[in-house]
Amino acid sequence: MHAEMNLNRQLGRHMSESTIKCIIFDCDGTLVDSERLCQEALVDVFARFGGQLSLQECMARFQGGKLADILAETRERCGIKVSIDVLEPLYREECRQRFESELQPIAGVAKLLAELQGRDIDICVASNGPVEKMAHTLGLTGLRHYFNECLFSAFEIQCWKPEPDLLHYAAMQMGYSVNECLFVDDTINGIQASINAEMKALYFRADPARPNIDHPLVTTIENMPAVLHHLNL
């Protein structure tokens, strides 16, 4: 444990000495507090077809990824044979309804984005979800104006995290090299994408029950304001 703590301190010092010009954020669970709502929607949709899932089980298993893959894995686990083409629109509609009534930004995110904007650090979003979903959830939580049109989706390039392509694409669209970017994500698959992209990352691990990630490119943070401690501003 002491060795891990020392490694994190060394990585934090290393990252604070580097010059980050662009921060790429994941959306769900990183900017907007959607994870519990999404897993509740998953439980409810599968219950319509006799699937028995608990919220705790879904939360524990969730690591991010392509929605179709998540639905397929859950379908297999439940032992039901409903088409993904049926499940996906039902799930997205259930999420939409929950978002409109309950969605909130992650604590501290609005202040962080305003601070970054004031210091001329470029920011964007790179998500496995569609652009319209990002625009909707960011709009509901009052964060949309920070990003303008800088929303990049795996659907645009047909390649999903943990593959590195989405992060390379986002960096290229923003006009920066991989070394000038920092990625922030709350999921295992998202952080694996940054490792695969050879991009420095902050792993937002608000829940201590989440698995830890030990890698030279990755530093763990427990709250979003901590992002500022890892920039040479």
C-alpha atoms as a PDB file:
ATOM      1  CA  MET A   1       0.000   0.000   0.000  1.00  0.00           C
ATOM      2  CA  HIS A   2       2.820   2.408   0.869  1.00  0.00           C
ATOM      3  CA  ALA A   3       4.513   1.668  -2.461  1.00  0.00           C
ATOM      4  CA  GLU A   4       1.239   2.404  -4.277  1.00  0.00           C
ATOM      5  CA  MET A   5       0.815   5.674  -2.388  1.00  0.00           C
ATOM      6  CA  ASN A   6       4.371   6.706  -3.219  1.00  0.00           C
ATOM      7  CA  LEU A   7       3.805   5.846  -6.878  1.00  0.00           C
ATOM      8  CA  ASN A   8       0.671   8.009  -6.950  1.00  0.00           C
ATOM      9  CA  ARG A   9       2.577  10.906  -5.380  1.00  0.00           C
ATOM     10  CA  GLN A  10       5.372  10.548  -7.939  1.00  0.00           C
ATOM     11  CA  LEU A  11       2.864  10.409 -10.793  1.00  0.00           C
ATOM     12  CA  GLY A  12       1.060  13.452  -9.420  1.00  0.00           C
ATOM     13  CA  ARG A  13       4.324  15.417  -9.321  1.00  0.00           C
ATOM     14  CA  HIS A  14       5.228  14.244 -12.826  1.00  0.00           C
ATOM     15  CA  MET A  15       1.853  15.283 -14.228  1.00  0.00           C
ATOM     16  CA  SER A  16       1.897  18.641 -12.473  1.00  0.00           C
ATOM     17  CA  GLU A  17       5.238  19.431 -14.120  1.00  0.00           C
ATOM     18  CA  SER A  18       3.912  18.734 -17.616  1.00  0.00           C
ATOM     19  CA  THR A  19       2.091  21.252 -19.758  1.00  0.00           C
ATOM     20  CA  ILE A  20      -1.492  20.210 -20.459  1.00  0.00           C
ATOM     21  CA  LYS A  21      -3.239  22.305 -23.088  1.00  0.00           C
ATOM     22  CA  CYS A  22      -6.434  20.313 -23.518  1.00  0.00           C
ATOM     23  CA  ILE A  23      -8.544  18.211 -21.162  1.00  0.00           C
ATOM     24  CA  ILE A  24     -10.764  15.548 -22.665  1.00  0.00           C
ATOM     25  CA  PHE A  25     -13.650  14.532 -20.404  1.00  0.00           C
ATOM     26  CA  ASP A  26     -15.826  11.471 -20.454  1.00  0.00           C
ATOM     27  CA  CYS A  27     -19.498  12.411 -20.000  1.00  0.00           C
ATOM     28  CA  ASP A  28     -21.605   9.902 -18.029  1.00  0.00           C
ATOM     29  CA  GLY A  29     -20.336   9.507 -14.471  1.00  0.00           C
ATOM     30  CA  THR A  30     -17.596  12.090 -15.006  1.00  0.00           C
ATOM     31  CA  LEU A  31     -19.443  15.304 -15.867  1.00  0.00           C
ATOM     32  CA  VAL A  32     -23.025  14.235 -15.155  1.00  0.00           C
ATOM     33  CA  ASP A  33     -24.114  12.013 -12.270  1.00  0.00           C
ATOM     34  CA  SER A  34     -25.909   9.513 -14.461  1.00  0.00           C
ATOM     35  CA  GLU A  35     -24.506   6.144 -13.448  1.00  0.00           C
ATOM     36  CA  ARG A  36     -27.116   5.183 -10.850  1.00  0.00           C
ATOM     37  CA  LEU A  37     -29.937   6.382 -13.123  1.00  0.00           C
ATOM     38  CA  CYS A  38     -28.574   4.340 -16.032  1.00  0.00           C
ATOM     39  CA  GLN A  39     -28.329   1.193 -13.934  1.00  0.00           C
ATOM     40  CA  GLU A  40     -31.844   1.714 -12.574  1.00  0.00           C
ATOM     41  CA  ALA A  41     -33.042   1.973 -16.178  1.00  0.00           C
ATOM     42  CA  LEU A  42     -31.223  -1.262 -17.020  1.00  0.00           C
ATOM     43  CA  VAL A  43     -32.914  -3.077 -14.128  1.00  0.00           C
ATOM     44  CA  ASP A  44     -36.359  -1.798 -15.117  1.00  0.00           C
ATOM     45  CA  VAL A  45     -36.051  -2.578 -18.833  1.00  0.00           C
ATOM     46  CA  PHE A  46     -34.911  -6.150 -18.264  1.00  0.00           C
ATOM     47  CA  ALA A  47     -37.606  -6.663 -15.627  1.00  0.00           C
ATOM     48  CA  ARG A  48     -40.206  -6.102 -18.388  1.00  0.00           C
ATOM     49  CA  PHE A  49     -38.984  -9.340 -19.995  1.00  0.00           C
ATOM     50  CA  GLY A  50     -38.605 -11.343 -16.794  1.00  0.00           C
ATOM     51  CA  GLY A  51     -34.936 -10.540 -16.214  1.00  0.00           C
ATOM     52  CA  GLN A  52     -34.006 -10.460 -12.550  1.00  0.00           C
ATOM     53  CA  LEU A  53     -31.282  -7.914 -11.807  1.00  0.00           C
ATOM     54  CA  SER A  54     -30.428  -5.966  -8.696  1.00  0.00           C
ATOM     55  CA  LEU A  55     -29.209  -2.381  -8.769  1.00  0.00           C
ATOM     56  CA  GLN A  56     -26.230  -3.361  -6.622  1.00  0.00           C
ATOM     57  CA  GLU A  57     -25.241  -6.096  -9.068  1.00  0.00           C
ATOM     58  CA  CYS A  58     -25.444  -3.737 -12.040  1.00  0.00           C
ATOM     59  CA  MET A  59     -23.455  -1.023 -10.290  1.00  0.00           C
ATOM     60  CA  ALA A  60     -20.744  -3.511  -9.312  1.00  0.00           C
ATOM     61  CA  ARG A  61     -20.421  -4.925 -12.821  1.00  0.00           C
ATOM     62  CA  PHE A  62     -20.479  -1.631 -14.710  1.00  0.00           C
ATOM     63  CA  GLN A  63     -17.126  -0.714 -16.286  1.00  0.00           C
ATOM     64  CA  GLY A  64     -18.251   1.391 -19.235  1.00  0.00           C
ATOM     65  CA  GLY A  65     -18.134   0.296 -22.858  1.00  0.00           C
ATOM     66  CA  LYS A  66     -20.375   0.085 -25.895  1.00  0.00           C
ATOM     67  CA  LEU A  67     -24.065   0.037 -24.997  1.00  0.00           C
ATOM     68  CA  ALA A  68     -24.863  -2.827 -27.374  1.00  0.00           C
ATOM     69  CA  ASP A  69     -22.193  -4.948 -25.676  1.00  0.00           C
ATOM     70  CA  ILE A  70     -23.505  -4.068 -22.207  1.00  0.00           C
ATOM     71  CA  LEU A  71     -27.040  -5.021 -23.227  1.00  0.00           C
ATOM     72  CA  ALA A  72     -25.863  -8.262 -24.845  1.00  0.00           C
ATOM     73  CA  GLU A  73     -23.879  -9.282 -21.754  1.00  0.00           C
ATOM     74  CA  THR A  74     -26.799  -8.445 -19.477  1.00  0.00           C
ATOM     75  CA  ARG A  75     -29.215 -10.327 -21.718  1.00  0.00           C
ATOM     76  CA  GLU A  76     -27.020 -13.419 -21.559  1.00  0.00           C
ATOM     77  CA  ARG A  77     -26.696 -13.122 -17.777  1.00  0.00           C
ATOM     78  CA  CYS A  78     -30.482 -12.886 -17.414  1.00  0.00           C
ATOM     79  CA  GLY A  79     -31.122 -15.729 -19.838  1.00  0.00           C
ATOM     80  CA  ILE A  80     -33.576 -13.819 -22.004  1.00  0.00           C
ATOM     81  CA  LYS A  81     -33.705 -13.736 -25.808  1.00  0.00           C
ATOM     82  CA  VAL A  82     -34.921 -10.256 -26.652  1.00  0.00           C
ATOM     83  CA  SER A  83     -33.233  -8.517 -29.595  1.00  0.00           C
ATOM     84  CA  ILE A  84     -30.777  -5.696 -28.913  1.00  0.00           C
ATOM     85  CA  ASP A  85     -32.787  -3.714 -31.485  1.00  0.00           C
ATOM     86  CA  VAL A  86     -35.717  -3.934 -29.064  1.00  0.00           C
ATOM     87  CA  LEU A  87     -33.769  -3.409 -25.851  1.00  0.00           C
ATOM     88  CA  GLU A  88     -31.666  -0.410 -26.892  1.00  0.00           C
ATOM     89  CA  PRO A  89     -34.471   2.075 -27.708  1.00  0.00           C
ATOM     90  CA  LEU A  90     -36.380   1.009 -24.584  1.00  0.00           C
ATOM     91  CA  TYR A  91     -33.292   1.557 -22.474  1.00  0.00           C
ATOM     92  CA  ARG A  92     -32.482   4.937 -24.027  1.00  0.00           C
ATOM     93  CA  GLU A  93     -36.052   6.139 -23.489  1.00  0.00           C
ATOM     94  CA  GLU A  94     -36.018   4.965 -19.867  1.00  0.00           C
ATOM     95  CA  CYS A  95     -32.739   6.819 -19.319  1.00  0.00           C
ATOM     96  CA  ARG A  96     -34.095   9.946 -20.984  1.00  0.00           C
ATOM     97  CA  GLN A  97     -37.093  10.075 -18.677  1.00  0.00           C
ATOM     98  CA  ARG A  98     -34.957   9.576 -15.581  1.00  0.00           C
ATOM     99  CA  PHE A  99     -32.441  12.184 -16.719  1.00  0.00           C
ATOM    100  CA  GLU A 100     -35.106  14.821 -17.256  1.00  0.00           C
ATOM    101  CA  SER A 101     -36.473  14.404 -13.744  1.00  0.00           C
ATOM    102  CA  GLU A 102     -33.363  13.586 -11.676  1.00  0.00           C
ATOM    103  CA  LEU A 103     -30.048  14.236 -13.450  1.00  0.00           C
ATOM    104  CA  GLN A 104     -27.485  16.445 -11.706  1.00  0.00           C
ATOM    105  CA  PRO A 105     -23.897  17.462 -12.545  1.00  0.00           C
ATOM    106  CA  ILE A 106     -21.083  15.736 -10.702  1.00  0.00           C
ATOM    107  CA  ALA A 107     -20.198  17.734  -7.576  1.00  0.00           C
ATOM    108  CA  GLY A 108     -17.648  20.445  -8.304  1.00  0.00           C
ATOM    109  CA  VAL A 109     -17.718  20.068 -12.094  1.00  0.00           C
ATOM    110  CA  ALA A 110     -19.278  23.439 -12.954  1.00  0.00           C
ATOM    111  CA  LYS A 111     -16.721  25.323 -10.867  1.00  0.00           C
ATOM    112  CA  LEU A 112     -13.894  23.265 -12.388  1.00  0.00           C
ATOM    113  CA  LEU A 113     -15.003  23.973 -15.965  1.00  0.00           C
ATOM    114  CA  ALA A 114     -15.365  27.690 -15.249  1.00  0.00           C
ATOM    115  CA  GLU A 115     -11.848  27.722 -13.776  1.00  0.00           C
ATOM    116  CA  LEU A 116     -10.392  25.930 -16.794  1.00  0.00           C
ATOM    117  CA  GLN A 117     -12.200  28.284 -19.147  1.00  0.00           C
ATOM    118  CA  GLY A 118     -10.802  31.263 -17.272  1.00  0.00           C
ATOM    119  CA  ARG A 119      -7.285  29.892 -17.618  1.00  0.00           C
ATOM    120  CA  ASP A 120      -7.572  29.206 -21.375  1.00  0.00           C
ATOM    121  CA  ILE A 121      -7.362  25.429 -21.090  1.00  0.00           C
ATOM    122  CA  ASP A 122      -9.299  23.882 -23.979  1.00  0.00           C
ATOM    123  CA  ILE A 123     -11.849  21.250 -23.034  1.00  0.00           C
ATOM    124  CA  CYS A 124     -13.963  18.730 -24.903  1.00  0.00           C
ATOM    125  CA  VAL A 125     -15.993  15.579 -24.328  1.00  0.00           C
ATOM    126  CA  ALA A 126     -15.264  12.126 -25.757  1.00  0.00           C
ATOM    127  CA  SER A 127     -17.984   9.580 -25.047  1.00  0.00           C
ATOM    128  CA  ASN A 128     -19.124   6.160 -26.191  1.00  0.00           C
ATOM    129  CA  GLY A 129     -22.629   7.637 -26.336  1.00  0.00           C
ATOM    130  CA  PRO A 130     -24.187   9.555 -29.237  1.00  0.00           C
ATOM    131  CA  VAL A 131     -23.592  13.302 -29.591  1.00  0.00           C
ATOM    132  CA  GLU A 132     -27.300  14.012 -29.094  1.00  0.00           C
ATOM    133  CA  LYS A 133     -27.228  12.197 -25.743  1.00  0.00           C
ATOM    134  CA  MET A 134     -24.214  14.234 -24.592  1.00  0.00           C
ATOM    135  CA  ALA A 135     -25.854  17.471 -25.692  1.00  0.00           C
ATOM    136  CA  HIS A 136     -29.053  16.512 -23.874  1.00  0.00           C
ATOM    137  CA  THR A 137     -27.489  15.551 -20.536  1.00  0.00           C
ATOM    138  CA  LEU A 138     -25.046  18.462 -20.537  1.00  0.00           C
ATOM    139  CA  GLY A 139     -27.912  20.793 -21.356  1.00  0.00           C
ATOM    140  CA  LEU A 140     -30.056  19.429 -18.525  1.00  0.00           C
ATOM    141  CA  THR A 141     -27.242  19.993 -16.030  1.00  0.00           C
ATOM    142  CA  GLY A 142     -26.263  23.478 -17.226  1.00  0.00           C
ATOM    143  CA  LEU A 143     -22.860  22.406 -18.576  1.00  0.00           C
ATOM    144  CA  ARG A 144     -23.496  22.485 -22.317  1.00  0.00           C
ATOM    145  CA  HIS A 145     -22.185  26.025 -22.906  1.00  0.00           C
ATOM    146  CA  TYR A 146     -18.701  25.137 -21.673  1.00  0.00           C
ATOM    147  CA  PHE A 147     -18.105  22.810 -24.621  1.00  0.00           C
ATOM    148  CA  ASN A 148     -19.782  24.524 -27.611  1.00  0.00           C
ATOM    149  CA  GLU A 149     -19.503  21.977 -30.436  1.00  0.00           C
ATOM    150  CA  CYS A 150     -16.577  20.060 -28.936  1.00  0.00           C
ATOM    151  CA  LEU A 151     -18.511  16.832 -28.342  1.00  0.00           C
ATOM    152  CA  PHE A 152     -16.942  13.732 -29.889  1.00  0.00           C
ATOM    153  CA  SER A 153     -18.733  10.405 -30.076  1.00  0.00           C
ATOM    154  CA  ALA A 154     -17.565   6.871 -30.754  1.00  0.00           C
ATOM    155  CA  PHE A 155     -20.482   6.640 -33.179  1.00  0.00           C
ATOM    156  CA  GLU A 156     -18.760   9.210 -35.412  1.00  0.00           C
ATOM    157  CA  ILE A 157     -15.784   6.935 -35.994  1.00  0.00           C
ATOM    158  CA  GLN A 158     -17.456   3.573 -35.251  1.00  0.00           C
ATOM    159  CA  CYS A 159     -14.857   2.702 -32.616  1.00  0.00           C
ATOM    160  CA  TRP A 160     -15.604   2.548 -28.898  1.00  0.00           C
ATOM    161  CA  LYS A 161     -13.519   2.791 -25.744  1.00  0.00           C
ATOM    162  CA  PRO A 162     -11.412   0.886 -24.616  1.00  0.00           C
ATOM    163  CA  GLU A 163      -9.995   1.201 -28.139  1.00  0.00           C
ATOM    164  CA  PRO A 164      -7.763   4.305 -28.386  1.00  0.00           C
ATOM    165  CA  ASP A 165      -9.211   5.769 -31.587  1.00  0.00           C
ATOM    166  CA  LEU A 166     -11.799   8.044 -29.971  1.00  0.00           C
ATOM    167  CA  LEU A 167      -9.184   9.803 -27.851  1.00  0.00           C
ATOM    168  CA  HIS A 168      -6.831  10.180 -30.820  1.00  0.00           C
ATOM    169  CA  TYR A 169      -9.751  11.577 -32.812  1.00  0.00           C
ATOM    170  CA  ALA A 170     -10.716  14.057 -30.085  1.00  0.00           C
ATOM    171  CA  ALA A 171      -7.130  15.266 -29.690  1.00  0.00           C
ATOM    172  CA  MET A 172      -6.768  15.694 -33.448  1.00  0.00           C
ATOM    173  CA  GLN A 173     -10.057  17.592 -33.733  1.00  0.00           C
ATOM    174  CA  MET A 174      -8.954  19.915 -30.930  1.00  0.00           C
ATOM    175  CA  GLY A 175      -5.598  20.477 -32.654  1.00  0.00           C
ATOM    176  CA  TYR A 176      -3.326  18.933 -30.024  1.00  0.00           C
ATOM    177  CA  SER A 177      -0.898  16.048 -29.755  1.00  0.00           C
ATOM    178  CA  VAL A 178      -1.552  13.170 -27.381  1.00  0.00           C
ATOM    179  CA  ASN A 179       1.151  14.509 -25.055  1.00  0.00           C
ATOM    180  CA  GLU A 180      -0.642  17.844 -24.734  1.00  0.00           C
ATOM    181  CA  CYS A 181      -3.909  16.220 -23.631  1.00  0.00           C
ATOM    182  CA  LEU A 182      -5.223  14.801 -20.384  1.00  0.00           C
ATOM    183  CA  PHE A 183      -8.187  12.435 -20.247  1.00  0.00           C
ATOM    184  CA  VAL A 184     -10.605  12.216 -17.308  1.00  0.00           C
ATOM    185  CA  ASP A 185     -12.908   9.203 -16.945  1.00  0.00           C
ATOM    186  CA  ASP A 186     -14.619   7.218 -14.195  1.00  0.00           C
ATOM    187  CA  THR A 187     -14.629   3.768 -15.815  1.00  0.00           C
ATOM    188  CA  ILE A 188     -12.162   0.937 -16.329  1.00  0.00           C
ATOM    189  CA  ASN A 189     -12.800   0.837 -20.076  1.00  0.00           C
ATOM    190  CA  GLY A 190     -12.346   4.580 -20.382  1.00  0.00           C
ATOM    191  CA  ILE A 191      -9.020   4.585 -18.578  1.00  0.00           C
ATOM    192  CA  GLN A 192      -7.909   1.560 -20.596  1.00  0.00           C
ATOM    193  CA  ALA A 193      -8.612   3.623 -23.715  1.00  0.00           C
ATOM    194  CA  SER A 194      -6.250   6.333 -22.460  1.00  0.00           C
ATOM    195  CA  ILE A 195      -3.558   3.747 -21.747  1.00  0.00           C
ATOM    196  CA  ASN A 196      -4.036   2.302 -25.233  1.00  0.00           C
ATOM    197  CA  ALA A 197      -3.834   5.841 -26.649  1.00  0.00           C
ATOM    198  CA  GLU A 198      -0.651   6.550 -24.632  1.00  0.00           C
ATOM    199  CA  MET A 199      -2.400   9.589 -23.124  1.00  0.00           C
ATOM    200  CA  LYS A 200      -2.105  10.683 -19.502  1.00  0.00           C
ATOM    201  CA  ALA A 201      -5.302  10.136 -17.546  1.00  0.00           C
ATOM    202  CA  LEU A 202      -7.042  10.956 -14.299  1.00  0.00           C
ATOM    203  CA  TYR A 203      -9.166   8.088 -13.008  1.00  0.00           C
ATOM    204  CA  PHE A 204     -12.161   9.603 -11.205  1.00  0.00           C
ATOM    205  CA  ARG A 205     -12.719   6.975  -8.507  1.00  0.00           C
ATOM    206  CA  ALA A 206     -15.368   8.514  -6.271  1.00  0.00           C
ATOM    207  CA  ASP A 207     -16.483   5.077  -5.035  1.00  0.00           C
ATOM    208  CA  PRO A 208     -13.662   3.374  -3.095  1.00  0.00           C
ATOM    209  CA  ALA A 209     -15.228  -0.003  -3.929  1.00  0.00           C
ATOM    210  CA  ARG A 210     -14.246   0.507  -7.573  1.00  0.00           C
ATOM    211  CA  PRO A 211     -11.129  -1.392  -8.717  1.00  0.00           C
ATOM    212  CA  ASN A 212      -7.882   0.540  -8.538  1.00  0.00           C
ATOM    213  CA  ILE A 213      -5.717   1.076 -11.622  1.00  0.00           C
ATOM    214  CA  ASP A 214      -1.945   0.939 -11.337  1.00  0.00           C
ATOM    215  CA  HIS A 215      -0.258   2.323 -14.444  1.00  0.00           C
ATOM    216  CA  PRO A 216       2.393   5.008 -15.033  1.00  0.00           C
ATOM    217  CA  LEU A 217       0.029   7.067 -17.214  1.00  0.00           C
ATOM    218  CA  VAL A 218      -2.810   7.023 -14.674  1.00  0.00           C
ATOM    219  CA  THR A 219      -3.386   9.018 -11.504  1.00  0.00           C
ATOM    220  CA  THR A 220      -6.416   8.417  -9.309  1.00  0.00           C
ATOM    221  CA  ILE A 221      -8.548  11.303  -8.031  1.00  0.00           C
ATOM    222  CA  GLU A 222     -11.528  11.159  -5.682  1.00  0.00           C
ATOM    223  CA  ASN A 223     -13.234  14.437  -6.625  1.00  0.00           C
ATOM    224  CA  MET A 224     -13.386  16.619  -9.707  1.00  0.00           C
ATOM    225  CA  PRO A 225     -11.762  19.796  -8.256  1.00  0.00           C
ATOM    226  CA  ALA A 226      -8.620  17.673  -7.845  1.00  0.00           C
ATOM    227  CA  VAL A 227      -8.136  17.914 -11.622  1.00  0.00           C
ATOM    228  CA  LEU A 228      -6.597  21.355 -11.077  1.00  0.00           C
ATOM    229  CA  HIS A 229      -3.849  19.883  -8.889  1.00  0.00           C
ATOM    230  CA  HIS A 230      -2.545  17.887 -11.852  1.00  0.00           C
ATOM    231  CA  LEU A 231      -2.023  20.743 -14.287  1.00  0.00           C
ATOM    232  CA  ASN A 232       0.902  23.091 -14.722  1.00  0.00           C
ATOM    233  CA  LEU A 233      -1.263  26.211 -15.050  1.00  0.00           C
END
